[in-house]
C-alpha atoms as a PDB file:
ATOM      1  CA  UNK A   1      -6.543  89.430 176.324  1.00  0.00           C
ATOM      2  CA  UNK A   2      -8.295  90.491 173.120  1.00  0.00           C
ATOM      3  CA  UNK A   3     -11.097  92.133 175.068  1.00  0.00           C
ATOM      4  CA  UNK A   4      -8.591  94.044 177.186  1.00  0.00           C
ATOM      5  CA  UNK A   5      -6.877  95.250 174.025  1.00  0.00           C
ATOM      6  CA  UNK A   6     -10.122  96.494 172.535  1.00  0.00           C
ATOM      7  CA  UNK A   7     -11.040  98.288 175.766  1.00  0.00           C
ATOM      8  CA  UNK A   8      -7.567  99.887 175.837  1.00  0.00           C
ATOM      9  CA  UNK A   9      -7.873 101.079 172.215  1.00  0.00           C
ATOM     10  CA  UNK A  10     -11.331 102.527 172.825  1.00  0.00           C
ATOM     11  CA  UNK A  11     -10.163 104.268 175.990  1.00  0.00           C
ATOM     12  CA  UNK A  12      -7.214 105.694 174.093  1.00  0.00           C
ATOM     13  CA  UNK A  13      -9.482 106.950 171.302  1.00  0.00           C
ATOM     14  CA  UNK A  14     -11.782 108.649 173.804  1.00  0.00           C
ATOM     15  CA  UNK A  15      -8.735 110.217 175.509  1.00  0.00           C
ATOM     16  CA  UNK A  16      -7.402 111.536 172.190  1.00  0.00           C
ATOM     17  CA  UNK A  17     -10.823 112.927 171.236  1.00  0.00           C
ATOM     18  CA  UNK A  18     -11.180 114.577 174.636  1.00  0.00           C
ATOM     19  CA  UNK A  19      -7.706 116.113 174.507  1.00  0.00           C
ATOM     20  CA  UNK A  20      -8.198 117.507 171.008  1.00  0.00           C
ATOM     21  CA  UNK A  21     -11.679 118.739 171.773  1.00  0.00           C
ATOM     22  CA  UNK A  22     -10.685 120.338 175.061  1.00  0.00           C
ATOM     23  CA  UNK A  23      -7.759 122.116 173.406  1.00  0.00           C
ATOM     24  CA  UNK A  24     -10.016 123.420 170.660  1.00  0.00           C
ATOM     25  CA  UNK A  25     -12.608 124.680 173.152  1.00  0.00           C
ATOM     26  CA  UNK A  26      -9.846 126.230 175.283  1.00  0.00           C
ATOM     27  CA  UNK A  27      -8.475 128.071 172.246  1.00  0.00           C
ATOM     28  CA  UNK A  28     -11.933 129.400 171.396  1.00  0.00           C
ATOM     29  CA  UNK A  29     -12.522 130.454 175.008  1.00  0.00           C
ATOM     30  CA  UNK A  30      -9.107 132.134 175.139  1.00  0.00           C
ATOM     31  CA  UNK A  31      -9.950 133.975 171.935  1.00  0.00           C
ATOM     32  CA  UNK A  32     -13.158 135.246 173.542  1.00  0.00           C
ATOM     33  CA  UNK A  33     -11.336 136.519 176.629  1.00  0.00           C
ATOM     34  CA  UNK A  34      -8.244 137.945 174.921  1.00  0.00           C
ATOM     35  CA  UNK A  35      -9.554 139.267 171.612  1.00  0.00           C
ATOM     36  CA  UNK A  36     -13.128 140.431 172.068  1.00  0.00           C
ATOM     37  CA  UNK A  37     -13.980 140.866 175.736  1.00  0.00           C
ATOM     38  CA  UNK A  38     -11.554 143.821 176.273  1.00  0.00           C
ATOM     39  CA  UNK A  39     -13.014 145.648 173.269  1.00  0.00           C
ATOM     40  CA  UNK A  40     -16.559 145.114 174.553  1.00  0.00           C
ATOM     41  CA  UNK A  41     -15.623 146.227 178.071  1.00  0.00           C
ATOM     42  CA  UNK A  42     -13.711 149.341 177.051  1.00  0.00           C
ATOM     43  CA  UNK A  43     -16.279 150.319 174.443  1.00  0.00           C
ATOM     44  CA  UNK A  44     -18.941 150.130 177.127  1.00  0.00           C
ATOM     45  CA  UNK A  45     -16.756 152.187 179.482  1.00  0.00           C
ATOM     46  CA  UNK A  46     -16.247 154.830 176.771  1.00  0.00           C
ATOM     47  CA  UNK A  47     -20.016 155.037 176.298  1.00  0.00           C
ATOM     48  CA  UNK A  48     -20.475 155.589 180.028  1.00  0.00           C
ATOM     49  CA  UNK A  49     -17.806 158.308 180.092  1.00  0.00           C
ATOM     50  CA  UNK A  50     -19.273 160.005 177.032  1.00  0.00           C
ATOM     51  CA  UNK A  51     -22.707 159.954 178.652  1.00  0.00           C
ATOM     52  CA  UNK A  52     -21.298 161.518 181.862  1.00  0.00           C
ATOM     53  CA  UNK A  53     -19.547 164.173 179.808  1.00  0.00           C
ATOM     54  CA  UNK A  54     -22.713 164.922 177.858  1.00  0.00           C
ATOM     55  CA  UNK A  55     -24.726 165.302 181.079  1.00  0.00           C
ATOM     56  CA  UNK A  56     -22.043 167.533 182.541  1.00  0.00           C
ATOM     57  CA  UNK A  57     -22.081 169.811 179.497  1.00  0.00           C
ATOM     58  CA  UNK A  58     -25.867 169.832 179.372  1.00  0.00           C
ATOM     59  CA  UNK A  59     -26.087 171.064 182.967  1.00  0.00           C
ATOM     60  CA  UNK A  60     -23.391 173.711 182.593  1.00  0.00           C
ATOM     61  CA  UNK A  61     -24.165 175.132 179.140  1.00  0.00           C
ATOM     62  CA  UNK A  62     -27.799 176.092 179.378  1.00  0.00           C
ATOM     63  CA  UNK A  63     -26.582 179.655 178.820  1.00  0.00           C
ATOM     64  CA  UNK A  64     -25.157 180.517 175.390  1.00  0.00           C
ATOM     65  CA  UNK A  65     -22.181 182.313 176.923  1.00  0.00           C
ATOM     66  CA  UNK A  66     -20.382 180.605 179.767  1.00  0.00           C
ATOM     67  CA  UNK A  67     -17.383 181.701 181.809  1.00  0.00           C
ATOM     68  CA  UNK A  68     -15.622 179.009 183.884  1.00  0.00           C
ATOM     69  CA  UNK A  69     -14.035 181.417 186.333  1.00  0.00           C
ATOM     70  CA  UNK A  70     -13.213 178.767 188.946  1.00  0.00           C
ATOM     71  CA  UNK A  71     -11.868 176.190 186.508  1.00  0.00           C
ATOM     72  CA  UNK A  72     -14.079 173.497 188.045  1.00  0.00           C
ATOM     73  CA  UNK A  73     -15.797 172.570 184.792  1.00  0.00           C
ATOM     74  CA  UNK A  74     -12.494 172.421 182.920  1.00  0.00           C
ATOM     75  CA  UNK A  75     -11.085 170.091 185.565  1.00  0.00           C
ATOM     76  CA  UNK A  76     -14.121 167.797 185.358  1.00  0.00           C
ATOM     77  CA  UNK A  77     -13.998 167.753 181.554  1.00  0.00           C
ATOM     78  CA  UNK A  78     -10.278 166.953 181.508  1.00  0.00           C
ATOM     79  CA  UNK A  79     -10.735 164.161 184.057  1.00  0.00           C
ATOM     80  CA  UNK A  80     -13.400 162.513 181.912  1.00  0.00           C
ATOM     81  CA  UNK A  81     -11.306 162.975 178.770  1.00  0.00           C
ATOM     82  CA  UNK A  82      -8.324 161.322 180.488  1.00  0.00           C
ATOM     83  CA  UNK A  83     -10.501 158.316 181.407  1.00  0.00           C
ATOM     84  CA  UNK A  84     -11.767 158.155 177.850  1.00  0.00           C
ATOM     85  CA  UNK A  85      -8.210 158.249 176.463  1.00  0.00           C
ATOM     86  CA  UNK A  86      -7.158 155.345 178.693  1.00  0.00           C
ATOM     87  CA  UNK A  87      -9.928 153.156 177.274  1.00  0.00           C
ATOM     88  CA  UNK A  88      -9.261 154.368 173.750  1.00  0.00           C
ATOM     89  CA  UNK A  89      -5.573 153.466 174.178  1.00  0.00           C
ATOM     90  CA  UNK A  90      -6.501 149.890 175.122  1.00  0.00           C
ATOM     91  CA  UNK A  91      -8.791 149.631 172.120  1.00  0.00           C
ATOM     92  CA  UNK A  92      -6.011 150.841 169.808  1.00  0.00           C
ATOM     93  CA  UNK A  93      -3.846 147.910 170.956  1.00  0.00           C
ATOM     94  CA  UNK A  94      -6.609 145.315 170.790  1.00  0.00           C
ATOM     95  CA  UNK A  95      -7.781 145.368 167.161  1.00  0.00           C
ATOM     96  CA  UNK A  96      -8.549 141.759 166.252  1.00  0.00           C
ATOM     97  CA  UNK A  97     -11.514 141.689 163.858  1.00  0.00           C
ATOM     98  CA  UNK A  98     -11.990 142.621 160.219  1.00  0.00           C
ATOM     99  CA  UNK A  99     -13.130 146.244 159.921  1.00  0.00           C
ATOM    100  CA  UNK A 100     -12.257 147.040 163.538  1.00  0.00           C
ATOM    101  CA  UNK A 101      -9.138 148.992 162.584  1.00  0.00           C
ATOM    102  CA  UNK A 102     -11.113 151.407 160.385  1.00  0.00           C
ATOM    103  CA  UNK A 103     -13.737 151.893 163.089  1.00  0.00           C
ATOM    104  CA  UNK A 104     -11.071 152.528 165.737  1.00  0.00           C
ATOM    105  CA  UNK A 105      -9.285 155.069 163.560  1.00  0.00           C
ATOM    106  CA  UNK A 106     -12.599 156.828 162.969  1.00  0.00           C
ATOM    107  CA  UNK A 107     -13.263 156.752 166.715  1.00  0.00           C
ATOM    108  CA  UNK A 108      -9.862 158.282 167.429  1.00  0.00           C
ATOM    109  CA  UNK A 109     -10.501 161.041 164.895  1.00  0.00           C
ATOM    110  CA  UNK A 110     -13.927 161.800 166.371  1.00  0.00           C
ATOM    111  CA  UNK A 111     -12.448 161.900 169.859  1.00  0.00           C
ATOM    112  CA  UNK A 112      -9.726 164.349 168.822  1.00  0.00           C
ATOM    113  CA  UNK A 113     -12.396 166.515 167.234  1.00  0.00           C
ATOM    114  CA  UNK A 114     -14.394 166.478 170.477  1.00  0.00           C
ATOM    115  CA  UNK A 115     -11.280 167.253 172.507  1.00  0.00           C
ATOM    116  CA  UNK A 116     -10.475 170.228 170.286  1.00  0.00           C
ATOM    117  CA  UNK A 117     -14.053 171.474 170.500  1.00  0.00           C
ATOM    118  CA  UNK A 118     -14.055 171.293 174.302  1.00  0.00           C
ATOM    119  CA  UNK A 119     -10.655 172.985 174.510  1.00  0.00           C
ATOM    120  CA  UNK A 120     -12.044 175.903 172.519  1.00  0.00           C
ATOM    121  CA  UNK A 121     -15.168 175.929 174.673  1.00  0.00           C
ATOM    122  CA  UNK A 122     -13.289 176.051 177.998  1.00  0.00           C
ATOM    123  CA  UNK A 123     -11.019 178.878 176.712  1.00  0.00           C
ATOM    124  CA  UNK A 124     -13.637 181.043 175.035  1.00  0.00           C
ATOM    125  CA  UNK A 125     -16.774 180.059 176.955  1.00  0.00           C
ATOM    126  CA  UNK A 126     -18.948 179.806 173.850  1.00  0.00           C
ATOM    127  CA  UNK A 127     -20.770 176.473 173.285  1.00  0.00           C
ATOM    128  CA  UNK A 128     -22.022 175.709 169.757  1.00  0.00           C
ATOM    129  CA  UNK A 129     -24.708 173.095 170.371  1.00  0.00           C
ATOM    130  CA  UNK A 130     -25.186 172.168 166.723  1.00  0.00           C
ATOM    131  CA  UNK A 131     -21.487 171.478 166.195  1.00  0.00           C
ATOM    132  CA  UNK A 132     -21.268 169.604 169.489  1.00  0.00           C
ATOM    133  CA  UNK A 133     -24.274 167.440 168.599  1.00  0.00           C
ATOM    134  CA  UNK A 134     -22.665 166.363 165.304  1.00  0.00           C
ATOM    135  CA  UNK A 135     -19.350 165.527 167.008  1.00  0.00           C
ATOM    136  CA  UNK A 136     -21.114 163.720 169.867  1.00  0.00           C
ATOM    137  CA  UNK A 137     -23.249 161.592 167.527  1.00  0.00           C
ATOM    138  CA  UNK A 138     -20.236 160.662 165.384  1.00  0.00           C
ATOM    139  CA  UNK A 139     -18.219 159.640 168.413  1.00  0.00           C
ATOM    140  CA  UNK A 140     -21.064 157.676 169.958  1.00  0.00           C
ATOM    141  CA  UNK A 141     -21.783 155.968 166.618  1.00  0.00           C
ATOM    142  CA  UNK A 142     -18.152 154.800 166.285  1.00  0.00           C
ATOM    143  CA  UNK A 143     -18.128 153.430 169.831  1.00  0.00           C
ATOM    144  CA  UNK A 144     -21.395 151.565 169.254  1.00  0.00           C
ATOM    145  CA  UNK A 145     -20.077 150.151 165.970  1.00  0.00           C
ATOM    146  CA  UNK A 146     -16.996 148.710 167.706  1.00  0.00           C
ATOM    147  CA  UNK A 147     -19.128 147.420 170.561  1.00  0.00           C
ATOM    148  CA  UNK A 148     -21.665 145.741 168.269  1.00  0.00           C
ATOM    149  CA  UNK A 149     -18.919 144.234 166.083  1.00  0.00           C
ATOM    150  CA  UNK A 150     -17.272 142.518 169.016  1.00  0.00           C
ATOM    151  CA  UNK A 151     -20.588 141.471 170.543  1.00  0.00           C
ATOM    152  CA  UNK A 152     -21.509 139.806 167.255  1.00  0.00           C
ATOM    153  CA  UNK A 153     -18.155 138.025 167.109  1.00  0.00           C
ATOM    154  CA  UNK A 154     -18.584 136.912 170.724  1.00  0.00           C
ATOM    155  CA  UNK A 155     -21.991 135.457 169.907  1.00  0.00           C
ATOM    156  CA  UNK A 156     -20.613 133.660 166.842  1.00  0.00           C
ATOM    157  CA  UNK A 157     -17.673 132.197 168.758  1.00  0.00           C
ATOM    158  CA  UNK A 158     -19.938 131.171 171.599  1.00  0.00           C
ATOM    159  CA  UNK A 159     -22.214 129.400 169.122  1.00  0.00           C
ATOM    160  CA  UNK A 160     -19.201 127.651 167.580  1.00  0.00           C
ATOM    161  CA  UNK A 161     -18.113 126.455 171.028  1.00  0.00           C
ATOM    162  CA  UNK A 162     -21.585 125.056 171.726  1.00  0.00           C
ATOM    163  CA  UNK A 163     -21.733 123.329 168.349  1.00  0.00           C
ATOM    164  CA  UNK A 164     -18.238 121.876 168.788  1.00  0.00           C
ATOM    165  CA  UNK A 165     -19.158 120.642 172.258  1.00  0.00           C
ATOM    166  CA  UNK A 166     -22.246 118.924 170.863  1.00  0.00           C
ATOM    167  CA  UNK A 167     -20.141 117.266 168.135  1.00  0.00           C
ATOM    168  CA  UNK A 168     -17.662 116.089 170.754  1.00  0.00           C
ATOM    169  CA  UNK A 169     -20.420 114.581 172.857  1.00  0.00           C
ATOM    170  CA  UNK A 170     -21.828 112.828 169.782  1.00  0.00           C
ATOM    171  CA  UNK A 171     -18.398 111.431 168.846  1.00  0.00           C
ATOM    172  CA  UNK A 172     -17.863 110.170 172.377  1.00  0.00           C
ATOM    173  CA  UNK A 173     -21.310 108.610 172.380  1.00  0.00           C
ATOM    174  CA  UNK A 174     -20.666 106.937 169.024  1.00  0.00           C
ATOM    175  CA  UNK A 175     -17.328 105.563 170.215  1.00  0.00           C
ATOM    176  CA  UNK A 176     -19.016 104.216 173.339  1.00  0.00           C
ATOM    177  CA  UNK A 177     -21.763 102.530 171.297  1.00  0.00           C
ATOM    178  CA  UNK A 178     -19.208 101.035 168.897  1.00  0.00           C
ATOM    179  CA  UNK A 179     -17.158  99.810 171.853  1.00  0.00           C
ATOM    180  CA  UNK A 180     -20.149  98.136 173.467  1.00  0.00           C
ATOM    181  CA  UNK A 181     -21.101  96.567 170.142  1.00  0.00           C
ATOM    182  CA  UNK A 182     -17.574  95.196 169.668  1.00  0.00           C
ATOM    183  CA  UNK A 183     -17.527  93.819 173.195  1.00  0.00           C
ATOM    184  CA  UNK A 184     -20.910  92.167 172.646  1.00  0.00           C
ATOM    185  CA  UNK A 185     -19.680  90.623 169.401  1.00  0.00           C
ATOM    186  CA  UNK A 186     -16.546  89.381 171.125  1.00  0.00           C
ATOM    187  CA  UNK A 187     -18.589  87.822 173.913  1.00  0.00           C
ATOM    188  CA  UNK A 188     -20.657  85.995 171.312  1.00  0.00           C
ATOM    189  CA  UNK A 189     -17.826  84.831 169.057  1.00  0.00           C
ATOM    190  CA  UNK A 190     -15.168  84.218 171.737  1.00  0.00           C
ATOM    191  CA  UNK A 191     -16.495  80.747 172.684  1.00  0.00           C
ATOM    192  CA  UNK A 192     -16.528  79.666 169.055  1.00  0.00           C
ATOM    193  CA  UNK A 193     -12.956  80.738 168.304  1.00  0.00           C
ATOM    194  CA  UNK A 194     -11.188  80.147 171.618  1.00  0.00           C
ATOM    195  CA  UNK A 195     -13.174  78.341 174.309  1.00  0.00           C
ATOM    196  CA  UNK A 196     -14.757  75.635 172.120  1.00  0.00           C
ATOM    197  CA  UNK A 197     -11.430  74.530 170.565  1.00  0.00           C
ATOM    198  CA  UNK A 198      -9.919  74.339 174.046  1.00  0.00           C
ATOM    199  CA  UNK A 199     -12.819  72.209 175.259  1.00  0.00           C
ATOM    200  CA  UNK A 200     -12.508  69.903 172.241  1.00  0.00           C
ATOM    201  CA  UNK A 201      -8.778  69.519 172.862  1.00  0.00           C
ATOM    202  CA  UNK A 202      -9.464  68.730 176.519  1.00  0.00           C
ATOM    203  CA  UNK A 203     -11.971  66.023 175.532  1.00  0.00           C
ATOM    204  CA  UNK A 204      -9.448  64.468 173.157  1.00  0.00           C
ATOM    205  CA  UNK A 205      -6.828  64.469 175.881  1.00  0.00           C
ATOM    206  CA  UNK A 206      -9.253  62.751 178.267  1.00  0.00           C
ATOM    207  CA  UNK A 207      -9.997  60.150 175.619  1.00  0.00           C
ATOM    208  CA  UNK A 208      -6.295  59.689 174.943  1.00  0.00           C
ATOM    209  CA  UNK A 209      -5.648  59.273 178.670  1.00  0.00           C
ATOM    210  CA  UNK A 210      -8.387  56.658 179.029  1.00  0.00           C
ATOM    211  CA  UNK A 211      -7.240  54.675 175.976  1.00  0.00           C
ATOM    212  CA  UNK A 212      -3.613  54.610 177.014  1.00  0.00           C
ATOM    213  CA  UNK A 213      -3.842  54.325 180.781  1.00  0.00           C
ATOM    214  CA  UNK A 214      -7.181  52.478 181.134  1.00  0.00           C
ATOM    215  CA  UNK A 215      -8.638  54.893 183.655  1.00  0.00           C
ATOM    216  CA  UNK A 216     -10.702  58.032 183.789  1.00  0.00           C
ATOM    217  CA  UNK A 217      -8.754  61.232 184.365  1.00  0.00           C
ATOM    218  CA  UNK A 218     -10.032  63.406 187.180  1.00  0.00           C
ATOM    219  CA  UNK A 219      -9.897  67.193 186.763  1.00  0.00           C
ATOM    220  CA  UNK A 220     -10.612  69.510 189.675  1.00  0.00           C
ATOM    221  CA  UNK A 221     -10.481  72.897 187.888  1.00  0.00           C
ATOM    222  CA  UNK A 222     -13.412  74.554 186.113  1.00  0.00           C
ATOM    223  CA  UNK A 223     -11.454  77.094 184.102  1.00  0.00           C
ATOM    224  CA  UNK A 224     -10.873  75.919 180.524  1.00  0.00           C
ATOM    225  CA  UNK A 225      -7.197  76.814 180.400  1.00  0.00           C
ATOM    226  CA  UNK A 226      -6.586  75.446 183.895  1.00  0.00           C
ATOM    227  CA  UNK A 227      -8.296  72.178 182.887  1.00  0.00           C
ATOM    228  CA  UNK A 228      -6.058  71.902 179.849  1.00  0.00           C
ATOM    229  CA  UNK A 229      -2.973  72.563 181.935  1.00  0.00           C
ATOM    230  CA  UNK A 230      -3.974  69.944 184.497  1.00  0.00           C
ATOM    231  CA  UNK A 231      -4.616  67.380 181.768  1.00  0.00           C
ATOM    232  CA  UNK A 232      -1.153  67.917 180.299  1.00  0.00           C
ATOM    233  CA  UNK A 233       0.409  67.621 183.749  1.00  0.00           C
ATOM    234  CA  UNK A 234      -1.386  64.377 184.562  1.00  0.00           C
ATOM    235  CA  UNK A 235      -0.535  62.878 181.186  1.00  0.00           C
ATOM    236  CA  UNK A 236       3.086  63.917 181.667  1.00  0.00           C
ATOM    237  CA  UNK A 237       3.088  62.262 185.101  1.00  0.00           C
ATOM    238  CA  UNK A 238       1.679  59.011 183.690  1.00  0.00           C
ATOM    239  CA  UNK A 239       4.191  59.011 180.847  1.00  0.00           C
ATOM    240  CA  UNK A 240       6.947  59.546 183.418  1.00  0.00           C
ATOM    241  CA  UNK A 241       5.693  56.594 185.448  1.00  0.00           C
ATOM    242  CA  UNK A 242       5.512  54.404 182.387  1.00  0.00           C
ATOM    243  CA  UNK A 243       9.020  55.370 181.298  1.00  0.00           C
ATOM    244  CA  UNK A 244      10.345  54.677 184.791  1.00  0.00           C
ATOM    245  CA  UNK A 245       8.690  51.237 184.816  1.00  0.00           C
ATOM    246  CA  UNK A 246      10.337  50.354 181.529  1.00  0.00           C
ATOM    247  CA  UNK A 247      13.713  51.492 182.832  1.00  0.00           C
ATOM    248  CA  UNK A 248      13.360  49.447 186.010  1.00  0.00           C
ATOM    249  CA  UNK A 249      12.590  46.319 183.966  1.00  0.00           C
END
């Protein structure tokens, strides 16, 4: 009974540790997916769009004066800007880290500056490369700053999850070792505190039986508690016989 209790307590402790640890790891994992992954994804998408836009402008502005008579270039520019705005909108609603708000506001300002520059370009057909290069570098720098910030946080959180998992495994291992040690101790001390007293009581009952009824008591069971029970039953039977004999006389 005692051993069963110890095993139950140890199992309960392991269950509690597992539940708490799993919840903690789940919270960290959820934080990775909800807080940082969208910023990394949309920052990367904005970089891709900005690169496509830069290539498009590079191909179509090799001449100092440009006239978009068909409106094709304007349509392509506006399509890319719309995609960029969608990703920027998601980033504006997913600011989770220290310093990310300032970077996002700077990114929004740089984007608006680029949008204004391109609007002027498509209307007037004159492309100022020096001004564009400054705006482009500022915008790209802000995107990379947001991307690197969230990547760093992802790496830190991932490291924390690994470290927490290792601590959990160590705690579980320690509990298991302690449990085995307690069980071993119980196996060693159990005979001294429970089995040996039962055996001594059984021997005294056998002696009592022999002294009072002048015969050896025969026990068929091997289990200590079953032996004790059988001894009590046989002694009770003999006492009943003796009492009946006295009554009959």
